[in-house]
Structure formats: C-alpha cells, structure tokens
Amino acid sequence: MGAFRLLLAVLVAVSHMGKTVAGLNPGVVAVISFLIISGFVMTSLIERNYYAPGKIGSFYVDRALRLFPQFLFYFVVSCAVIHFLLPGTPQAAELTLKTIASSVLMLPLGFYMFGVAGTEILPPAWSLGLEMCFYLVIPFLLIFKARGAAFVLSVGIFMLACLGYLNTDIYGYRLLPGVLFIFLCGSYLYRPQAKGLTIAVGTAVLAGLLFVAIMTGVIERRPFNAEVTLGIALGIPAVYLLSRFKYHRIDEFLGNISYGVFLNHFVVMYFLRGFWPVPYDAHIVVAVLVLAFALSGVSYYCVERPALALRHRLRHGQRQRVQAQSVETTA
C-alpha cells in the first residue's frame, strides 16, 4: 500500500494548497483512508508482536519511535522557517513557549479545538494526535476483545455528528469517539473472517448511501460529512484490495517517503511564501510536491531509518521473549 499512502499524502498537500475536486476536499477523503490503513496495520503489528497486556508498553514505545523522529525534525524546521521568513503572521504568533511545549508532545494536537495546542506550526499534525489516541486504546480493544462494543458506540456518535446533533466537524472527523469505527474497519480487514468482512463491507455500503443522501440534499451537508462518508466508501474497498498485493521494493520506497510528504509540505509552502508569495497555480503546486518528495527522501534516510532499526530490535526482543516463554511452558 506504499504507493496508495503516497497518493493520499499528495491529496492532503494539494488540498492545503486550496484545490478541491467537484467541490469536495480531497485531503479529508485521504485522511479517512489513512485511518483505515492505520487500523489494519496496528492490528497486524499487535497480533504479531504485542498481543499481551504486558507488552502494551512496548507497543507504545514502538509507535513513538515511528511517529516522533520525522515529526520533531519537521516541527523544528517549521519553527525556524516561520521565525525567520514569516514574522508578524498567525504562524509566528504561535511561536510561544506554551504552544510549542504542548504541540511538540503531539497528543495535544488532536485536541487543538479546545485550545490546548497550536495548529499553524505544522497544520497536518493534528491528525497525528488523533492517531496517538487510537494507539492508546487499540491494544486493549484487541487483547480484551472489545472491538464490537467500541465499534457500535463510535458509529452512534458519528451518526449524531453527521446528522448535526453534535458538532459535525469535531465529533464526526476530528475526535476519536466519532471515528474509532473507521479505524476498526481497517482492523476487521486484517485476516478478515466472515463477520469482520461483513462489518467492513456493510459500513462501506452504508457510508456510500449516506454520501449520496448528503450530496442530493436528503441529509443536510455539514462540514466534511460528505468527504468523510465518501472516504469510508472508497477507502475500505481500496485497503482490502491493496492489502492482497505482494510486497514490492518500489511500493515500499513510495510508502517510506509518504510520511515525510504528509508532514513537510507545509514547511515547503512556508519557505516559498517567504520568498515568493504567489497563488498556488499548477506550476507552484508541482514545485511544492517535487520539493516535498526530495526533502522526504532525505529525512527518511537521515532521520527515520535510525529509529527504524530501534523498532526492529524492539520487536525482535518481543519475539524472543515469546519463544522463551513457550519453551519454559513445554519443558
């Protein structure tokens, strides 16, 4: 799914440059697919390496080693670019000790709407706060077999938000209670059995019907409810089909640079704005993406690869402990 992840990162970048498709925000649609992929990958990771209460802490360390290295790198670079090239802007106003201290922890970014973190230093990173919330709960849902109850509760919250009884943007897109079921659709797609596959497919069909109802006016269109439902309807079958493809090195490489592109495109945009504040026409969009790709390649090999080696050692240690416990049990 590496090429797909890179495509999603590009869609997020393009949306931040003000581009829409048929009046829809492609970045929101892409983020929903990211959530589905995360549910799939985390289920695989936990079942293979951390499927026990005593290993949950190691899972959290694994995830921190995945998310933080490039995030911290681009956060610092973004602060520097804003400070030197964009003084007097809303971005510069967020360069305070309080905002930086809360934002650099990542988790508070998922609650920016309550004023606990900034949104301008590295805008796409709010969704990393949402990811961290998911990481906190998914080991417990899997190990203690609570996915079904969590799924039902989350769908209920999402429907209330989609229909406008709760804030649609916050509870239908930004916070975990309303989107946990989207993550869990990805979880059900990992080694899908009849029940899990039925839940995922049924969710995709229902989301497609909701999207049609929203676009035809049967359900009032509210902030991002059309994009979220479309993202679910498209993302579930896409992840299911792509997960059946065999490993390929080119696909892996494209996936490796996707995280950097997701994080760094705003840094590139800020940098260019400091020297060349022009509208994002086709040429500027291409320039931003080319620079984002190049910078992501550098940050992957120089920043993330060392942390990747630590993650692999952590997982190897977990497997060795499992094997040792198995030997003791059968001895």
Protein backbone atom coordinates (compact mmCIF):
# COMPACT_ATOMS: atom_id res chain seq x y z
CA MET A 1 0.00 0.00 0.00
CA GLY A 2 3.03 2.28 -0.25
CA ALA A 3 2.02 3.98 -3.49
CA PHE A 4 -1.51 4.44 -2.15
CA ARG A 5 -0.19 6.07 1.03
CA LEU A 6 1.93 8.45 -1.04
CA LEU A 7 -1.10 9.32 -3.18
CA LEU A 8 -3.05 10.08 -0.01
CA ALA A 9 -0.24 12.34 1.24
CA VAL A 10 -0.27 14.17 -2.10
CA LEU A 11 -4.04 14.67 -1.86
CA VAL A 12 -3.62 16.15 1.61
CA ALA A 13 -0.92 18.51 0.32
CA VAL A 14 -2.97 19.55 -2.70
CA SER A 15 -5.99 20.26 -0.51
CA HIS A 16 -3.87 22.53 1.67
CA MET A 17 -2.99 24.48 -1.45
CA GLY A 18 -6.66 25.25 -1.90
CA LYS A 19 -7.56 22.65 -4.52
CA THR A 20 -10.90 20.84 -4.49
CA VAL A 21 -12.46 18.10 -6.60
CA ALA A 22 -16.13 18.56 -7.53
CA GLY A 23 -16.49 20.83 -4.52
CA LEU A 24 -15.06 18.21 -2.17
CA ASN A 25 -11.91 18.46 -0.07
CA PRO A 26 -9.63 15.63 -1.27
CA GLY A 27 -7.46 15.91 1.84
CA VAL A 28 -10.29 14.88 4.14
CA VAL A 29 -11.13 11.91 1.92
CA ALA A 30 -7.45 10.93 2.06
CA VAL A 31 -7.23 11.23 5.84
CA ILE A 32 -10.10 8.75 6.20
CA SER A 33 -8.15 6.19 4.16
CA PHE A 34 -5.15 6.84 6.41
CA LEU A 35 -7.32 5.93 9.41
CA ILE A 36 -8.43 2.69 7.77
CA ILE A 37 -4.82 1.80 6.92
CA SER A 38 -3.78 2.56 10.49
CA GLY A 39 -6.42 0.19 11.86
CA PHE A 40 -5.22 -2.54 9.51
CA VAL A 41 -1.51 -2.07 10.24
CA MET A 42 -1.87 -1.71 14.02
CA THR A 43 -3.91 -4.90 14.23
CA SER A 44 -1.23 -6.73 12.28
CA LEU A 45 1.54 -5.25 14.44
CA ILE A 46 -0.13 -6.06 17.75
CA GLU A 47 -1.16 -9.59 16.83
CA ARG A 48 2.34 -10.42 15.61
CA ASN A 49 4.40 -8.71 18.31
CA TYR A 50 2.47 -7.23 21.24
CA TYR A 51 -0.58 -9.39 21.86
CA ALA A 52 -0.45 -9.48 25.67
CA PRO A 53 -1.19 -6.93 28.43
CA GLY A 54 2.45 -6.91 29.49
CA LYS A 55 3.58 -5.86 26.01
CA ILE A 56 1.36 -2.80 25.66
CA GLY A 57 4.11 -0.51 26.94
CA SER A 58 6.50 -1.85 24.31
CA PHE A 59 3.85 -1.19 21.67
CA TYR A 60 3.67 2.44 22.76
CA VAL A 61 7.46 2.73 22.50
CA ASP A 62 7.29 1.22 19.01
CA ARG A 63 4.73 3.79 17.94
CA ALA A 64 6.67 6.69 19.44
CA LEU A 65 9.75 5.61 17.51
CA ARG A 66 7.62 5.60 14.36
CA LEU A 67 5.89 8.95 14.71
CA PHE A 68 8.24 11.26 16.59
CA PRO A 69 11.58 11.35 14.72
CA GLN A 70 10.35 12.96 11.50
CA PHE A 71 7.63 14.90 13.32
CA LEU A 72 10.17 16.54 15.64
CA PHE A 73 12.52 17.21 12.75
CA TYR A 74 9.89 18.99 10.66
CA PHE A 75 8.41 20.73 13.68
CA VAL A 76 11.77 22.32 14.47
CA VAL A 77 12.40 23.19 10.81
CA SER A 78 8.93 24.73 10.54
CA CYS A 79 9.54 26.84 13.65
CA ALA A 80 12.80 28.11 12.15
CA VAL A 81 11.22 28.92 8.77
CA ILE A 82 8.33 30.76 10.42
CA HIS A 83 10.60 32.71 12.76
CA PHE A 84 12.99 33.91 10.07
CA LEU A 85 10.74 34.19 6.99
CA LEU A 86 7.19 34.83 8.25
CA PRO A 87 7.38 37.36 11.11
CA GLY A 88 4.12 39.04 12.03
CA THR A 89 1.97 36.22 10.67
CA PRO A 90 -0.54 33.99 12.54
CA GLN A 91 2.08 31.26 12.31
CA ALA A 92 4.65 33.44 14.08
CA ALA A 93 2.11 34.24 16.80
CA GLU A 94 2.14 30.57 17.78
CA LEU A 95 5.87 30.53 18.45
CA THR A 96 5.37 30.81 22.19
CA LEU A 97 6.82 28.52 24.84
CA LYS A 98 3.35 27.31 25.90
CA THR A 99 2.19 26.49 22.37
CA ILE A 100 5.45 24.84 21.35
CA ALA A 101 5.65 22.80 24.57
CA SER A 102 2.13 21.44 24.15
CA SER A 103 2.35 20.91 20.40
CA VAL A 104 5.67 19.05 20.49
CA LEU A 105 4.05 16.34 22.65
CA MET A 106 1.87 15.53 19.61
CA LEU A 107 -1.09 14.10 21.54
CA PRO A 108 -2.49 17.57 22.45
CA LEU A 109 -2.58 18.42 18.73
CA GLY A 110 -5.58 16.12 18.44
CA PHE A 111 -7.45 18.42 20.85
CA TYR A 112 -6.43 21.74 19.28
CA MET A 113 -10.11 22.75 19.01
CA PHE A 114 -10.15 23.12 22.78
CA GLY A 115 -7.17 25.49 22.75
CA VAL A 116 -4.64 23.04 24.18
CA ALA A 117 -2.21 23.20 21.23
CA GLY A 118 -1.46 25.25 18.13
CA THR A 119 -2.50 24.50 14.58
CA GLU A 120 -0.30 26.76 12.47
CA ILE A 121 3.25 25.49 13.03
CA LEU A 122 2.64 22.11 11.40
CA PRO A 123 -1.06 22.03 10.44
CA PRO A 124 -1.38 18.41 9.21
CA ALA A 125 -0.07 17.12 12.54
CA TRP A 126 -3.46 17.46 14.27
CA SER A 127 -4.31 14.05 12.82
CA LEU A 128 -1.21 12.57 14.47
CA GLY A 129 -2.78 13.49 17.80
CA LEU A 130 -5.84 11.52 16.70
CA GLU A 131 -3.58 8.61 15.70
CA MET A 132 -1.98 8.62 19.14
CA CYS A 133 -5.41 8.45 20.77
CA PHE A 134 -6.13 5.38 18.67
CA TYR A 135 -2.79 3.82 19.61
CA LEU A 136 -3.66 4.25 23.29
CA VAL A 137 -6.86 2.20 23.03
CA ILE A 138 -6.34 -0.35 20.24
CA PRO A 139 -4.19 -2.83 22.24
CA PHE A 140 -6.92 -3.07 24.89
CA LEU A 141 -9.69 -3.44 22.31
CA LEU A 142 -7.85 -6.32 20.64
CA ILE A 143 -6.47 -8.12 23.68
CA PHE A 144 -9.70 -7.90 25.69
CA LYS A 145 -11.89 -8.46 22.61
CA ALA A 146 -13.85 -5.23 22.89
CA ARG A 147 -13.82 -4.15 19.24
CA GLY A 148 -17.51 -4.87 18.68
CA ALA A 149 -18.82 -2.73 21.54
CA ALA A 150 -16.42 0.12 20.68
CA PHE A 151 -17.47 -0.07 17.03
CA VAL A 152 -21.18 0.24 17.83
CA LEU A 153 -20.69 3.16 20.24
CA SER A 154 -18.49 5.00 17.75
CA VAL A 155 -20.98 4.56 14.90
CA GLY A 156 -23.68 6.02 17.12
CA ILE A 157 -21.59 9.10 17.91
CA PHE A 158 -20.66 9.53 14.26
CA MET A 159 -24.28 9.38 13.12
CA LEU A 160 -25.29 12.02 15.67
CA ALA A 161 -22.49 14.23 14.33
CA CYS A 162 -23.20 13.50 10.68
CA LEU A 163 -26.84 14.50 11.15
CA GLY A 164 -25.95 17.64 13.08
CA TYR A 165 -26.98 16.69 16.62
CA LEU A 166 -23.33 17.01 17.64
CA ASN A 167 -20.70 19.29 16.11
CA THR A 168 -20.13 17.57 12.77
CA ASP A 169 -16.54 18.62 12.24
CA ILE A 170 -15.32 17.86 15.76
CA TYR A 171 -17.21 14.65 16.55
CA GLY A 172 -17.59 13.36 13.01
CA TYR A 173 -13.99 13.87 11.88
CA ARG A 174 -11.55 15.16 14.50
CA LEU A 175 -12.05 13.25 17.75
CA LEU A 176 -11.61 9.52 18.33
CA PRO A 177 -15.09 8.66 19.68
CA GLY A 178 -16.72 9.57 16.36
CA VAL A 179 -14.14 8.00 14.06
CA LEU A 180 -12.94 4.98 16.04
CA PHE A 181 -15.19 2.75 13.95
CA ILE A 182 -13.28 3.88 10.83
CA PHE A 183 -10.01 2.70 12.34
CA LEU A 184 -11.74 -0.53 13.35
CA CYS A 185 -12.96 -1.17 9.80
CA GLY A 186 -9.28 -1.41 8.88
CA SER A 187 -8.75 -3.68 11.86
CA TYR A 188 -11.51 -6.01 10.67
CA LEU A 189 -9.86 -6.18 7.24
CA TYR A 190 -6.72 -7.76 8.68
CA ARG A 191 -7.11 -11.52 8.27
CA PRO A 192 -10.81 -10.94 7.55
CA GLN A 193 -13.26 -13.56 8.70
CA ALA A 194 -16.86 -13.60 7.58
CA LYS A 195 -18.12 -11.47 10.47
CA GLY A 196 -15.40 -8.83 10.25
CA LEU A 197 -15.58 -8.61 6.47
CA THR A 198 -19.36 -8.24 6.66
CA ILE A 199 -18.99 -5.38 9.14
CA ALA A 200 -16.43 -3.59 6.97
CA VAL A 201 -18.35 -4.07 3.71
CA GLY A 202 -21.63 -3.09 5.35
CA THR A 203 -20.02 0.07 6.69
CA ALA A 204 -18.70 0.97 3.23
CA VAL A 205 -22.14 0.47 1.68
CA LEU A 206 -23.88 2.49 4.38
CA ALA A 207 -21.29 5.27 4.01
CA GLY A 208 -21.87 5.32 0.26
CA LEU A 209 -25.62 5.69 0.79
CA LEU A 210 -25.03 8.48 3.30
CA PHE A 211 -22.77 10.26 0.81
CA VAL A 212 -25.46 10.10 -1.88
CA ALA A 213 -28.07 11.35 0.59
CA ILE A 214 -25.83 14.27 1.56
CA MET A 215 -25.00 15.25 -2.00
CA THR A 216 -28.65 15.08 -3.08
CA GLY A 217 -29.84 17.16 -0.14
CA VAL A 218 -31.74 14.45 1.68
CA ILE A 219 -29.28 14.92 4.57
CA GLU A 220 -28.01 18.44 5.18
CA ARG A 221 -24.42 18.92 4.12
CA ARG A 222 -22.32 19.92 7.07
CA PRO A 223 -18.56 20.47 7.48
CA PHE A 224 -16.84 17.44 5.95
CA ASN A 225 -19.70 14.94 6.39
CA ALA A 226 -19.73 14.38 2.62
CA GLU A 227 -15.95 13.91 2.46
CA VAL A 228 -15.85 11.56 5.46
CA THR A 229 -18.61 9.31 4.14
CA LEU A 230 -17.01 9.26 0.69
CA GLY A 231 -13.65 8.46 2.27
CA ILE A 232 -15.16 5.47 4.09
CA ALA A 233 -16.97 4.21 0.99
CA LEU A 234 -13.81 4.39 -1.13
CA GLY A 235 -11.18 3.63 1.49
CA ILE A 236 -12.48 0.29 2.77
CA PRO A 237 -12.51 -1.50 -0.62
CA ALA A 238 -9.21 0.18 -1.59
CA VAL A 239 -7.43 -1.06 1.54
CA TYR A 240 -8.96 -4.53 1.21
CA LEU A 241 -7.84 -4.91 -2.40
CA LEU A 242 -4.40 -3.35 -1.97
CA SER A 243 -3.64 -5.50 1.07
CA ARG A 244 -3.80 -8.52 -1.25
CA PHE A 245 -0.90 -7.28 -3.37
CA LYS A 246 2.52 -8.85 -2.84
CA TYR A 247 5.49 -6.92 -1.49
CA HIS A 248 7.44 -4.83 -3.99
CA ARG A 249 10.50 -2.71 -3.27
CA ILE A 250 9.28 0.26 -5.30
CA ASP A 251 5.98 0.23 -3.44
CA GLU A 252 7.89 0.10 -0.14
CA PHE A 253 10.03 3.08 -1.15
CA LEU A 254 6.98 5.15 -2.09
CA GLY A 255 5.40 4.28 1.24
CA ASN A 256 8.59 5.25 3.07
CA ILE A 257 8.51 8.81 1.76
CA SER A 258 4.76 9.27 2.23
CA TYR A 259 5.00 10.24 5.92
CA GLY A 260 7.58 12.91 5.18
CA VAL A 261 5.45 14.38 2.39
CA PHE A 262 2.45 14.41 4.72
CA LEU A 263 4.44 16.37 7.29
CA ASN A 264 6.71 18.59 5.24
CA HIS A 265 4.53 20.11 2.53
CA PHE A 266 3.53 22.98 4.80
CA VAL A 267 7.19 23.62 5.63
CA VAL A 268 7.88 23.88 1.89
CA MET A 269 4.85 26.14 1.43
CA TYR A 270 6.00 28.41 4.26
CA PHE A 271 9.51 28.56 2.82
CA LEU A 272 8.30 29.51 -0.65
CA ARG A 273 5.84 32.01 0.79
CA GLY A 274 8.72 33.79 2.50
CA PHE A 275 10.42 34.44 -0.86
CA TRP A 276 7.65 34.15 -3.43
CA PRO A 277 4.13 34.81 -2.07
CA VAL A 278 2.13 33.91 -5.16
CA PRO A 279 -1.11 31.94 -5.70
CA TYR A 280 -0.87 28.17 -5.93
CA ASP A 281 -1.22 27.70 -9.66
CA ALA A 282 -0.27 24.41 -11.32
CA HIS A 283 3.43 25.29 -11.51
CA ILE A 284 3.68 26.17 -7.83
CA VAL A 285 1.75 23.04 -6.82
CA VAL A 286 4.19 20.88 -8.79
CA ALA A 287 7.16 22.75 -7.31
CA VAL A 288 5.86 22.19 -3.76
CA LEU A 289 5.35 18.48 -4.39
CA VAL A 290 8.77 18.00 -6.01
CA LEU A 291 10.50 19.73 -3.10
CA ALA A 292 8.39 17.79 -0.60
CA PHE A 293 9.33 14.47 -2.24
CA ALA A 294 13.03 15.34 -2.25
CA LEU A 295 13.03 16.55 1.35
CA SER A 296 11.09 13.49 2.46
CA GLY A 297 13.68 11.19 0.91
CA VAL A 298 16.42 12.95 2.86
CA SER A 299 14.51 12.90 6.16
CA TYR A 300 13.60 9.25 5.78
CA TYR A 301 17.16 8.06 5.32
CA CYS A 302 18.77 10.50 7.75
CA VAL A 303 16.13 10.73 10.49
CA GLU A 304 13.70 7.82 10.37
CA ARG A 305 15.98 4.95 9.38
CA PRO A 306 17.98 5.04 12.66
CA ALA A 307 14.71 4.89 14.62
CA LEU A 308 13.51 2.09 12.35
CA ALA A 309 16.47 -0.03 13.43
CA LEU A 310 15.49 0.50 17.08
CA ARG A 311 11.91 -0.53 16.36
CA HIS A 312 13.05 -3.73 14.68
CA ARG A 313 15.26 -4.59 17.65
CA LEU A 314 12.33 -3.96 19.98
CA ARG A 315 10.08 -6.30 18.02
CA HIS A 316 12.81 -8.93 17.78
CA GLY A 317 13.20 -8.81 21.54
CA GLN A 318 9.46 -9.31 21.98
CA ARG A 319 9.53 -12.38 19.71
CA GLN A 320 12.49 -13.85 21.61
CA ARG A 321 10.66 -13.45 24.92
CA VAL A 322 7.59 -15.17 23.49
CA GLN A 323 9.72 -18.07 22.26
CA ALA A 324 11.48 -18.36 25.62
CA GLN A 325 8.15 -18.42 27.48
CA SER A 326 6.89 -21.10 25.08
CA VAL A 327 9.94 -23.27 25.76
CA GLU A 328 9.52 -22.90 29.53
CA THR A 329 5.84 -23.82 29.28
CA THR A 330 6.51 -27.00 27.32
CA ALA A 331 9.60 -28.04 29.30
